[in-house]
C-alpha cells in the first residue's frame, strides 16, 4: 500500500497508526498494540473491528453494477464528481480522496483521474465490490470497513470525501475531513428512473430525500451548493435488468415477475438519469 495512504489509516480498535507486516506469504497491517488486519489476496485490507450486521451488495449486484457503469450509462455522474472535486480539493501536495460506500470504485477512479497528485481509498462492506475497487485505479487502495462505525482514518486526513448513493455518517465524515476539504454527496432526484418505477414496481425515491440528507449532516456540515445532473438514457431490456440488479430494488424484486415486466417495455427503453450533487463544507 502506498505510504501516502497508509500513513493516514488508523487501527479500527484503538485508533493507533498502522504499519505493514509480513509473515511468510501473509500480508497484514498492524498497530503498535498488536491489533492485526489481513490483506486479502484480491488486494483489499480487512479493517473491520468485530462483525458487521450486514455484508453489503452481493456478487451478482456488484457484477451488474460493474457492467452497467463500464458501458458509460452513468458517465454524467462521474464527470460531474470529477469536475467538482478539482474545484473543491484543498491545497495539499498529496490529497487523499476517500469514497465511503465506494462499491466497485468507479467514481473514485474518475476523481483520481482528474486529480493527478491525489491518492484514493475505497471503503465498503461488500467483499465482492472491494475485489474490484482494489483494481479500480493505480493510485487507489481498498478497505473493508463499516461506514456506520468509526472510520479507520486519522482526524482531518481526507481532502475530498465522496458519498455516492450510500449511507452518510455525519459525525465521522466531519472527524476525518480536512477543515478545508469538502464532502460530495450524490443522491437520486425525485424523477430518477421515473419511467421504470411504475412499469417495474421499483422502490420510489423518497420525496423528502433532500431533507433527510440535510438531517444526517446537520450540525457537522454546511451545504455550499447543490446542482442537478440529468441525462436521457436509451437502454435495451437486458440493460434495464442490469440496472435494476445493481440497485436497492434488487433486494426486493421477484426475478420471475421482474422478467415479465421488463419484457413488456419498449426496446430500447427511454430512462431518465437525474441526480443531485451536494457540496458540503465542515462547520
C-alpha atoms as a PDB file:
ATOM      1  CA  UNK A   1       0.000   0.000   0.000  1.00  0.00           C
ATOM      2  CA  UNK A   2       1.279   3.465  -0.864  1.00  0.00           C
ATOM      3  CA  UNK A   3       2.729   5.213   2.185  1.00  0.00           C
ATOM      4  CA  UNK A   4       0.663   8.316   1.450  1.00  0.00           C
ATOM      5  CA  UNK A   5      -2.466   6.259   2.075  1.00  0.00           C
ATOM      6  CA  UNK A   6      -1.086   4.009   4.807  1.00  0.00           C
ATOM      7  CA  UNK A   7       0.097   6.984   6.831  1.00  0.00           C
ATOM      8  CA  UNK A   8      -3.475   8.212   7.192  1.00  0.00           C
ATOM      9  CA  UNK A   9      -5.014   4.897   8.208  1.00  0.00           C
ATOM     10  CA  UNK A  10      -5.752   4.136  11.843  1.00  0.00           C
ATOM     11  CA  UNK A  11      -6.461   0.934  13.732  1.00  0.00           C
ATOM     12  CA  UNK A  12     -10.255   0.494  13.974  1.00  0.00           C
ATOM     13  CA  UNK A  13      -9.849  -0.931  17.501  1.00  0.00           C
ATOM     14  CA  UNK A  14      -7.549   1.575  19.232  1.00  0.00           C
ATOM     15  CA  UNK A  15      -7.043   4.355  16.635  1.00  0.00           C
ATOM     16  CA  UNK A  16      -3.234   3.908  16.639  1.00  0.00           C
ATOM     17  CA  UNK A  17      -1.277   4.221  13.345  1.00  0.00           C
ATOM     18  CA  UNK A  18      -0.915   1.145  11.168  1.00  0.00           C
ATOM     19  CA  UNK A  19       2.171  -0.305   9.504  1.00  0.00           C
ATOM     20  CA  UNK A  20       2.685  -3.123   7.032  1.00  0.00           C
ATOM     21  CA  UNK A  21       3.683  -6.511   8.415  1.00  0.00           C
ATOM     22  CA  UNK A  22       4.501  -9.713   6.548  1.00  0.00           C
ATOM     23  CA  UNK A  23       4.627 -13.259   7.883  1.00  0.00           C
ATOM     24  CA  UNK A  24       5.547 -15.716   5.143  1.00  0.00           C
ATOM     25  CA  UNK A  25       3.081 -15.127   2.337  1.00  0.00           C
ATOM     26  CA  UNK A  26       0.545 -13.403   4.586  1.00  0.00           C
ATOM     27  CA  UNK A  27       0.368  -9.623   4.342  1.00  0.00           C
ATOM     28  CA  UNK A  28      -1.265  -7.552   7.041  1.00  0.00           C
ATOM     29  CA  UNK A  29      -1.448  -4.147   8.684  1.00  0.00           C
ATOM     30  CA  UNK A  30      -0.588  -3.984  12.377  1.00  0.00           C
ATOM     31  CA  UNK A  31      -0.728  -1.280  15.035  1.00  0.00           C
ATOM     32  CA  UNK A  32       1.745  -0.787  17.947  1.00  0.00           C
ATOM     33  CA  UNK A  33      -0.713  -2.505  20.303  1.00  0.00           C
ATOM     34  CA  UNK A  34      -0.648  -5.690  18.239  1.00  0.00           C
ATOM     35  CA  UNK A  35      -4.021  -5.482  16.504  1.00  0.00           C
ATOM     36  CA  UNK A  36      -3.560  -7.069  13.087  1.00  0.00           C
ATOM     37  CA  UNK A  37      -5.641  -6.849   9.911  1.00  0.00           C
ATOM     38  CA  UNK A  38      -5.125  -9.180   6.967  1.00  0.00           C
ATOM     39  CA  UNK A  39      -4.825  -8.125   3.353  1.00  0.00           C
ATOM     40  CA  UNK A  40      -6.868 -10.342   1.060  1.00  0.00           C
ATOM     41  CA  UNK A  41      -5.165 -11.840  -1.962  1.00  0.00           C
ATOM     42  CA  UNK A  42      -7.527  -9.708  -4.103  1.00  0.00           C
ATOM     43  CA  UNK A  43      -5.789  -6.596  -2.738  1.00  0.00           C
ATOM     44  CA  UNK A  44      -8.090  -5.076  -0.128  1.00  0.00           C
ATOM     45  CA  UNK A  45      -7.387  -4.937   3.617  1.00  0.00           C
ATOM     46  CA  UNK A  46      -9.975  -6.026   6.181  1.00  0.00           C
ATOM     47  CA  UNK A  47     -10.307  -3.146   8.656  1.00  0.00           C
ATOM     48  CA  UNK A  48     -13.478  -4.313  10.355  1.00  0.00           C
ATOM     49  CA  UNK A  49     -13.429  -4.181  14.136  1.00  0.00           C
ATOM     50  CA  UNK A  50     -15.646  -7.116  15.031  1.00  0.00           C
ATOM     51  CA  UNK A  51     -18.538  -8.394  12.990  1.00  0.00           C
ATOM     52  CA  UNK A  52     -20.805  -6.210  10.904  1.00  0.00           C
ATOM     53  CA  UNK A  53     -24.592  -6.783  10.870  1.00  0.00           C
ATOM     54  CA  UNK A  54     -24.700  -6.653   7.071  1.00  0.00           C
ATOM     55  CA  UNK A  55     -22.494  -7.830   4.210  1.00  0.00           C
ATOM     56  CA  UNK A  56     -23.354  -5.214   1.599  1.00  0.00           C
ATOM     57  CA  UNK A  57     -24.031  -5.833  -2.076  1.00  0.00           C
ATOM     58  CA  UNK A  58     -23.941  -9.392  -3.349  1.00  0.00           C
ATOM     59  CA  UNK A  59     -21.616 -10.662  -6.067  1.00  0.00           C
ATOM     60  CA  UNK A  60     -24.480 -10.558  -8.582  1.00  0.00           C
ATOM     61  CA  UNK A  61     -25.329  -6.948  -7.705  1.00  0.00           C
ATOM     62  CA  UNK A  62     -21.688  -5.923  -7.965  1.00  0.00           C
ATOM     63  CA  UNK A  63     -21.291  -7.658 -11.315  1.00  0.00           C
ATOM     64  CA  UNK A  64     -24.408  -5.904 -12.621  1.00  0.00           C
ATOM     65  CA  UNK A  65     -23.135  -2.534 -11.435  1.00  0.00           C
ATOM     66  CA  UNK A  66     -19.708  -3.083 -12.949  1.00  0.00           C
ATOM     67  CA  UNK A  67     -21.139  -3.978 -16.346  1.00  0.00           C
ATOM     68  CA  UNK A  68     -23.589  -1.085 -16.362  1.00  0.00           C
ATOM     69  CA  UNK A  69     -21.059   1.547 -15.309  1.00  0.00           C
ATOM     70  CA  UNK A  70     -18.432   0.245 -17.721  1.00  0.00           C
ATOM     71  CA  UNK A  71     -20.922   0.813 -20.545  1.00  0.00           C
ATOM     72  CA  UNK A  72     -20.864   4.537 -19.715  1.00  0.00           C
ATOM     73  CA  UNK A  73     -24.516   4.964 -18.783  1.00  0.00           C
ATOM     74  CA  UNK A  74     -23.694   6.921 -15.612  1.00  0.00           C
ATOM     75  CA  UNK A  75     -20.758   8.879 -17.005  1.00  0.00           C
ATOM     76  CA  UNK A  76     -22.767  12.043 -16.319  1.00  0.00           C
ATOM     77  CA  UNK A  77     -22.365  11.382 -12.592  1.00  0.00           C
ATOM     78  CA  UNK A  78     -18.662  10.501 -12.804  1.00  0.00           C
ATOM     79  CA  UNK A  79     -17.894  13.590 -14.896  1.00  0.00           C
ATOM     80  CA  UNK A  80     -19.762  15.882 -12.513  1.00  0.00           C
ATOM     81  CA  UNK A  81     -17.933  14.478  -9.478  1.00  0.00           C
ATOM     82  CA  UNK A  82     -14.542  14.816 -11.146  1.00  0.00           C
ATOM     83  CA  UNK A  83     -15.253  18.396 -12.182  1.00  0.00           C
ATOM     84  CA  UNK A  84     -16.405  19.472  -8.726  1.00  0.00           C
ATOM     85  CA  UNK A  85     -13.538  17.651  -7.000  1.00  0.00           C
ATOM     86  CA  UNK A  86     -10.951  19.632  -8.960  1.00  0.00           C
ATOM     87  CA  UNK A  87     -12.615  22.829  -7.747  1.00  0.00           C
ATOM     88  CA  UNK A  88     -13.025  21.976  -4.070  1.00  0.00           C
ATOM     89  CA  UNK A  89      -9.873  19.967  -3.303  1.00  0.00           C
ATOM     90  CA  UNK A  90      -7.724  21.860  -0.763  1.00  0.00           C
ATOM     91  CA  UNK A  91      -4.143  22.888  -1.462  1.00  0.00           C
ATOM     92  CA  UNK A  92      -2.386  19.696  -0.423  1.00  0.00           C
ATOM     93  CA  UNK A  93       0.666  18.200  -2.175  1.00  0.00           C
ATOM     94  CA  UNK A  94      -0.771  14.675  -1.784  1.00  0.00           C
ATOM     95  CA  UNK A  95      -4.539  14.946  -1.235  1.00  0.00           C
ATOM     96  CA  UNK A  96      -6.404  11.848  -0.119  1.00  0.00           C
ATOM     97  CA  UNK A  97      -9.770  11.153  -1.728  1.00  0.00           C
ATOM     98  CA  UNK A  98     -11.963   8.694   0.172  1.00  0.00           C
ATOM     99  CA  UNK A  99     -15.132   7.129  -1.207  1.00  0.00           C
ATOM    100  CA  UNK A 100     -17.367   5.979   1.658  1.00  0.00           C
ATOM    101  CA  UNK A 101     -19.589   3.241   0.250  1.00  0.00           C
ATOM    102  CA  UNK A 102     -17.422   3.035  -2.851  1.00  0.00           C
ATOM    103  CA  UNK A 103     -18.832  -0.083  -4.454  1.00  0.00           C
ATOM    104  CA  UNK A 104     -16.575  -1.004  -7.367  1.00  0.00           C
ATOM    105  CA  UNK A 105     -14.528   2.212  -7.077  1.00  0.00           C
ATOM    106  CA  UNK A 106     -15.841   3.554 -10.387  1.00  0.00           C
ATOM    107  CA  UNK A 107     -16.448   7.113  -9.168  1.00  0.00           C
ATOM    108  CA  UNK A 108     -13.273   7.203  -7.094  1.00  0.00           C
ATOM    109  CA  UNK A 109     -11.286   6.284 -10.195  1.00  0.00           C
ATOM    110  CA  UNK A 110     -12.900   9.125 -12.161  1.00  0.00           C
ATOM    111  CA  UNK A 111     -11.987  11.663  -9.476  1.00  0.00           C
ATOM    112  CA  UNK A 112      -8.410  10.379  -9.195  1.00  0.00           C
ATOM    113  CA  UNK A 113      -8.028  10.689 -12.962  1.00  0.00           C
ATOM    114  CA  UNK A 114      -8.920  14.383 -12.599  1.00  0.00           C
ATOM    115  CA  UNK A 115      -6.561  14.915  -9.623  1.00  0.00           C
ATOM    116  CA  UNK A 116      -3.158  13.605 -10.759  1.00  0.00           C
ATOM    117  CA  UNK A 117      -1.462  14.270  -7.385  1.00  0.00           C
ATOM    118  CA  UNK A 118      -4.172  12.583  -5.319  1.00  0.00           C
ATOM    119  CA  UNK A 119      -4.396   9.086  -3.889  1.00  0.00           C
ATOM    120  CA  UNK A 120      -7.638   7.328  -3.084  1.00  0.00           C
ATOM    121  CA  UNK A 121      -9.186   4.912  -0.626  1.00  0.00           C
ATOM    122  CA  UNK A 122     -12.360   2.925  -1.303  1.00  0.00           C
ATOM    123  CA  UNK A 123     -14.337   1.928   1.795  1.00  0.00           C
ATOM    124  CA  UNK A 124     -17.141  -0.606   1.578  1.00  0.00           C
ATOM    125  CA  UNK A 125     -18.602  -3.539   3.499  1.00  0.00           C
ATOM    126  CA  UNK A 126     -19.072  -5.683   0.389  1.00  0.00           C
ATOM    127  CA  UNK A 127     -16.179  -8.043  -0.331  1.00  0.00           C
ATOM    128  CA  UNK A 128     -17.232  -8.615  -3.972  1.00  0.00           C
ATOM    129  CA  UNK A 129     -17.223  -4.840  -4.502  1.00  0.00           C
ATOM    130  CA  UNK A 130     -13.816  -4.375  -2.892  1.00  0.00           C
ATOM    131  CA  UNK A 131     -12.253  -7.038  -5.096  1.00  0.00           C
ATOM    132  CA  UNK A 132     -12.987  -4.694  -7.988  1.00  0.00           C
ATOM    133  CA  UNK A 133     -12.297  -1.448  -6.121  1.00  0.00           C
ATOM    134  CA  UNK A 134      -8.783  -2.615  -5.255  1.00  0.00           C
ATOM    135  CA  UNK A 135      -8.035  -2.611  -9.004  1.00  0.00           C
ATOM    136  CA  UNK A 136     -10.064   0.472  -9.937  1.00  0.00           C
ATOM    137  CA  UNK A 137      -7.103   2.854 -10.237  1.00  0.00           C
ATOM    138  CA  UNK A 138      -3.305   2.630  -9.809  1.00  0.00           C
ATOM    139  CA  UNK A 139      -3.394   5.292  -7.069  1.00  0.00           C
ATOM    140  CA  UNK A 140      -6.257   3.711  -5.123  1.00  0.00           C
ATOM    141  CA  UNK A 141      -6.399   1.243  -2.230  1.00  0.00           C
ATOM    142  CA  UNK A 142      -9.435  -0.515  -0.798  1.00  0.00           C
ATOM    143  CA  UNK A 143     -10.510  -1.474   2.705  1.00  0.00           C
ATOM    144  CA  UNK A 144     -13.359  -3.475   4.181  1.00  0.00           C
ATOM    145  CA  UNK A 145     -14.993  -1.111   6.660  1.00  0.00           C
ATOM    146  CA  UNK A 146     -18.440  -0.418   8.062  1.00  0.00           C
ATOM    147  CA  UNK A 147     -19.053   3.272   7.375  1.00  0.00           C
ATOM    148  CA  UNK A 148     -21.703   3.346  10.142  1.00  0.00           C
ATOM    149  CA  UNK A 149     -18.881   2.779  12.628  1.00  0.00           C
ATOM    150  CA  UNK A 150     -15.696   4.732  13.377  1.00  0.00           C
ATOM    151  CA  UNK A 151     -13.807   5.137  10.104  1.00  0.00           C
ATOM    152  CA  UNK A 152     -10.257   3.700  10.053  1.00  0.00           C
ATOM    153  CA  UNK A 153      -8.753   7.101   9.274  1.00  0.00           C
ATOM    154  CA  UNK A 154      -6.847   9.784  11.139  1.00  0.00           C
ATOM    155  CA  UNK A 155      -8.552  13.020  12.134  1.00  0.00           C
ATOM    156  CA  UNK A 156      -8.587  15.658   9.393  1.00  0.00           C
ATOM    157  CA  UNK A 157      -6.756  13.358   6.973  1.00  0.00           C
ATOM    158  CA  UNK A 158      -9.137  13.440   3.979  1.00  0.00           C
ATOM    159  CA  UNK A 159      -9.139  16.181   1.355  1.00  0.00           C
ATOM    160  CA  UNK A 160     -12.255  15.114  -0.580  1.00  0.00           C
ATOM    161  CA  UNK A 161     -14.852  12.667   0.711  1.00  0.00           C
ATOM    162  CA  UNK A 162     -17.210  11.044  -1.790  1.00  0.00           C
ATOM    163  CA  UNK A 163     -20.611   9.617  -0.853  1.00  0.00           C
ATOM    164  CA  UNK A 164     -22.475   8.318  -3.900  1.00  0.00           C
ATOM    165  CA  UNK A 165     -25.848   6.600  -3.390  1.00  0.00           C
ATOM    166  CA  UNK A 166     -24.578   5.459   0.006  1.00  0.00           C
ATOM    167  CA  UNK A 167     -25.389   5.966   3.708  1.00  0.00           C
ATOM    168  CA  UNK A 168     -23.981   9.055   5.455  1.00  0.00           C
ATOM    169  CA  UNK A 169     -22.225   9.098   8.819  1.00  0.00           C
ATOM    170  CA  UNK A 170     -22.170  12.819   9.569  1.00  0.00           C
ATOM    171  CA  UNK A 171     -20.058  12.789  12.769  1.00  0.00           C
ATOM    172  CA  UNK A 172     -17.385  10.501  11.322  1.00  0.00           C
ATOM    173  CA  UNK A 173     -17.295  12.284   7.980  1.00  0.00           C
ATOM    174  CA  UNK A 174     -16.683  15.509   9.894  1.00  0.00           C
ATOM    175  CA  UNK A 175     -13.937  13.984  12.046  1.00  0.00           C
ATOM    176  CA  UNK A 176     -11.844  12.670   9.146  1.00  0.00           C
ATOM    177  CA  UNK A 177     -12.315  15.576   6.731  1.00  0.00           C
ATOM    178  CA  UNK A 178      -9.750  18.340   6.447  1.00  0.00           C
ATOM    179  CA  UNK A 179     -11.369  21.630   7.582  1.00  0.00           C
ATOM    180  CA  UNK A 180     -10.517  22.998   4.133  1.00  0.00           C
ATOM    181  CA  UNK A 181     -11.872  19.922   2.379  1.00  0.00           C
ATOM    182  CA  UNK A 182     -15.302  19.027   1.040  1.00  0.00           C
ATOM    183  CA  UNK A 183     -17.872  16.252   1.219  1.00  0.00           C
ATOM    184  CA  UNK A 184     -19.518  15.478  -2.130  1.00  0.00           C
ATOM    185  CA  UNK A 185     -22.884  13.725  -1.781  1.00  0.00           C
ATOM    186  CA  UNK A 186     -24.762  12.247  -4.747  1.00  0.00           C
ATOM    187  CA  UNK A 187     -28.397  11.260  -4.243  1.00  0.00           C
ATOM    188  CA  UNK A 188     -31.200  10.438  -6.687  1.00  0.00           C
ATOM    189  CA  UNK A 189     -33.570  13.226  -7.674  1.00  0.00           C
ATOM    190  CA  UNK A 190     -37.297  12.571  -7.327  1.00  0.00           C
ATOM    191  CA  UNK A 191     -37.708  11.644 -11.005  1.00  0.00           C
ATOM    192  CA  UNK A 192     -34.626   9.419 -11.192  1.00  0.00           C
ATOM    193  CA  UNK A 193     -35.508   6.341 -13.305  1.00  0.00           C
ATOM    194  CA  UNK A 194     -39.124   7.553 -13.313  1.00  0.00           C
ATOM    195  CA  UNK A 195     -40.072   5.580 -16.423  1.00  0.00           C
ATOM    196  CA  UNK A 196     -39.149   2.315 -14.682  1.00  0.00           C
ATOM    197  CA  UNK A 197     -40.600   2.864 -11.218  1.00  0.00           C
ATOM    198  CA  UNK A 198     -44.235   2.197 -12.087  1.00  0.00           C
ATOM    199  CA  UNK A 199     -43.571  -0.120 -15.018  1.00  0.00           C
ATOM    200  CA  UNK A 200     -41.380  -2.452 -12.955  1.00  0.00           C
ATOM    201  CA  UNK A 201     -42.745  -1.736  -9.470  1.00  0.00           C
ATOM    202  CA  UNK A 202     -39.375  -0.457  -8.197  1.00  0.00           C
ATOM    203  CA  UNK A 203     -38.647   1.322  -4.941  1.00  0.00           C
ATOM    204  CA  UNK A 204     -39.518   5.001  -5.203  1.00  0.00           C
ATOM    205  CA  UNK A 205     -37.218   7.883  -4.335  1.00  0.00           C
ATOM    206  CA  UNK A 206     -38.309   9.391  -1.034  1.00  0.00           C
ATOM    207  CA  UNK A 207     -39.758  12.854  -1.830  1.00  0.00           C
ATOM    208  CA  UNK A 208     -38.171  14.054   1.427  1.00  0.00           C
ATOM    209  CA  UNK A 209     -34.747  12.722   0.417  1.00  0.00           C
ATOM    210  CA  UNK A 210     -33.106  16.153   0.396  1.00  0.00           C
ATOM    211  CA  UNK A 211     -34.362  16.883   3.906  1.00  0.00           C
ATOM    212  CA  UNK A 212     -33.114  13.521   5.158  1.00  0.00           C
ATOM    213  CA  UNK A 213     -29.663  14.171   3.673  1.00  0.00           C
ATOM    214  CA  UNK A 214     -29.556  17.560   5.374  1.00  0.00           C
ATOM    215  CA  UNK A 215     -30.665  15.994   8.649  1.00  0.00           C
ATOM    216  CA  UNK A 216     -27.943  13.341   8.544  1.00  0.00           C
ATOM    217  CA  UNK A 217     -25.301  16.057   8.196  1.00  0.00           C
ATOM    218  CA  UNK A 218     -26.865  18.716  10.428  1.00  0.00           C
ATOM    219  CA  UNK A 219     -24.533  20.268  12.954  1.00  0.00           C
ATOM    220  CA  UNK A 220     -21.446  18.960  11.183  1.00  0.00           C
ATOM    221  CA  UNK A 221     -21.617  20.400   7.667  1.00  0.00           C
ATOM    222  CA  UNK A 222     -22.884  23.468   5.860  1.00  0.00           C
ATOM    223  CA  UNK A 223     -24.274  22.985   2.362  1.00  0.00           C
ATOM    224  CA  UNK A 224     -22.265  25.121  -0.053  1.00  0.00           C
ATOM    225  CA  UNK A 225     -24.102  24.253  -3.262  1.00  0.00           C
ATOM    226  CA  UNK A 226     -26.414  21.736  -4.914  1.00  0.00           C
ATOM    227  CA  UNK A 227     -26.560  21.032  -8.634  1.00  0.00           C
ATOM    228  CA  UNK A 228     -28.766  18.650 -10.606  1.00  0.00           C
ATOM    229  CA  UNK A 229     -27.337  16.490 -13.358  1.00  0.00           C
ATOM    230  CA  UNK A 230     -29.527  14.781 -15.923  1.00  0.00           C
ATOM    231  CA  UNK A 231     -29.189  12.529 -18.926  1.00  0.00           C
ATOM    232  CA  UNK A 232     -31.575  10.671 -21.196  1.00  0.00           C
ATOM    233  CA  UNK A 233     -30.594   7.025 -21.313  1.00  0.00           C
ATOM    234  CA  UNK A 234     -31.665   4.630 -24.039  1.00  0.00           C
ATOM    235  CA  UNK A 235     -31.453   1.107 -22.682  1.00  0.00           C
ATOM    236  CA  UNK A 236     -32.055  -2.356 -24.028  1.00  0.00           C
ATOM    237  CA  UNK A 237     -34.225  -4.672 -21.937  1.00  0.00           C
ATOM    238  CA  UNK A 238     -31.091  -6.523 -20.866  1.00  0.00           C
ATOM    239  CA  UNK A 239     -29.554  -3.240 -19.696  1.00  0.00           C
ATOM    240  CA  UNK A 240     -32.732  -2.388 -17.779  1.00  0.00           C
ATOM    241  CA  UNK A 241     -32.474  -5.729 -15.991  1.00  0.00           C
ATOM    242  CA  UNK A 242     -28.847  -4.975 -15.154  1.00  0.00           C
ATOM    243  CA  UNK A 243     -29.786  -1.523 -13.867  1.00  0.00           C
ATOM    244  CA  UNK A 244     -32.423  -2.958 -11.535  1.00  0.00           C
ATOM    245  CA  UNK A 245     -29.998  -5.648 -10.403  1.00  0.00           C
ATOM    246  CA  UNK A 246     -27.378  -3.158  -9.255  1.00  0.00           C
ATOM    247  CA  UNK A 247     -29.662  -1.052  -7.051  1.00  0.00           C
ATOM    248  CA  UNK A 248     -31.720  -1.383  -3.873  1.00  0.00           C
ATOM    249  CA  UNK A 249     -34.699  -2.855  -5.708  1.00  0.00           C
ATOM    250  CA  UNK A 250     -32.567  -5.958  -6.337  1.00  0.00           C
ATOM    251  CA  UNK A 251     -33.139  -6.932  -2.694  1.00  0.00           C
ATOM    252  CA  UNK A 252     -36.920  -6.898  -3.130  1.00  0.00           C
ATOM    253  CA  UNK A 253     -37.745  -7.779  -6.742  1.00  0.00           C
ATOM    254  CA  UNK A 254     -39.053 -11.246  -7.602  1.00  0.00           C
ATOM    255  CA  UNK A 255     -36.910 -12.377 -10.583  1.00  0.00           C
ATOM    256  CA  UNK A 256     -39.778 -14.004 -12.470  1.00  0.00           C
ATOM    257  CA  UNK A 257     -42.143 -11.089 -12.032  1.00  0.00           C
ATOM    258  CA  UNK A 258     -39.397  -8.617 -12.938  1.00  0.00           C
ATOM    259  CA  UNK A 259     -38.541 -10.509 -16.130  1.00  0.00           C
ATOM    260  CA  UNK A 260     -42.207 -10.456 -17.192  1.00  0.00           C
ATOM    261  CA  UNK A 261     -42.474  -6.721 -16.585  1.00  0.00           C
ATOM    262  CA  UNK A 262     -39.216  -5.979 -18.407  1.00  0.00           C
ATOM    263  CA  UNK A 263     -40.473  -7.976 -21.400  1.00  0.00           C
ATOM    264  CA  UNK A 264     -43.340  -5.508 -21.645  1.00  0.00           C
ATOM    265  CA  UNK A 265     -41.076  -2.474 -22.020  1.00  0.00           C
ATOM    266  CA  UNK A 266     -40.340  -0.894 -25.391  1.00  0.00           C
ATOM    267  CA  UNK A 267     -36.917  -1.655 -26.795  1.00  0.00           C
ATOM    268  CA  UNK A 268     -34.917   0.442 -26.491  1.00  0.00           C
ATOM    269  CA  UNK A 269     -36.466   1.983 -23.391  1.00  0.00           C
ATOM    270  CA  UNK A 270     -36.050   5.696 -22.593  1.00  0.00           C
ATOM    271  CA  UNK A 271     -34.927   6.219 -18.980  1.00  0.00           C
ATOM    272  CA  UNK A 272     -34.226   9.430 -17.068  1.00  0.00           C
ATOM    273  CA  UNK A 273     -30.999   9.735 -15.089  1.00  0.00           C
ATOM    274  CA  UNK A 274     -31.477  12.517 -12.529  1.00  0.00           C
ATOM    275  CA  UNK A 275     -29.226  13.099  -9.524  1.00  0.00           C
ATOM    276  CA  UNK A 276     -28.379  15.838  -7.052  1.00  0.00           C
ATOM    277  CA  UNK A 277     -24.750  16.618  -6.244  1.00  0.00           C
ATOM    278  CA  UNK A 278     -24.294  18.498  -2.997  1.00  0.00           C
ATOM    279  CA  UNK A 279     -21.070  20.138  -1.855  1.00  0.00           C
ATOM    280  CA  UNK A 280     -20.829  20.242   1.938  1.00  0.00           C
ATOM    281  CA  UNK A 281     -18.148  22.008   3.989  1.00  0.00           C
ATOM    282  CA  UNK A 282     -17.218  21.146   7.582  1.00  0.00           C
ATOM    283  CA  UNK A 283     -18.591  23.527  10.186  1.00  0.00           C
END
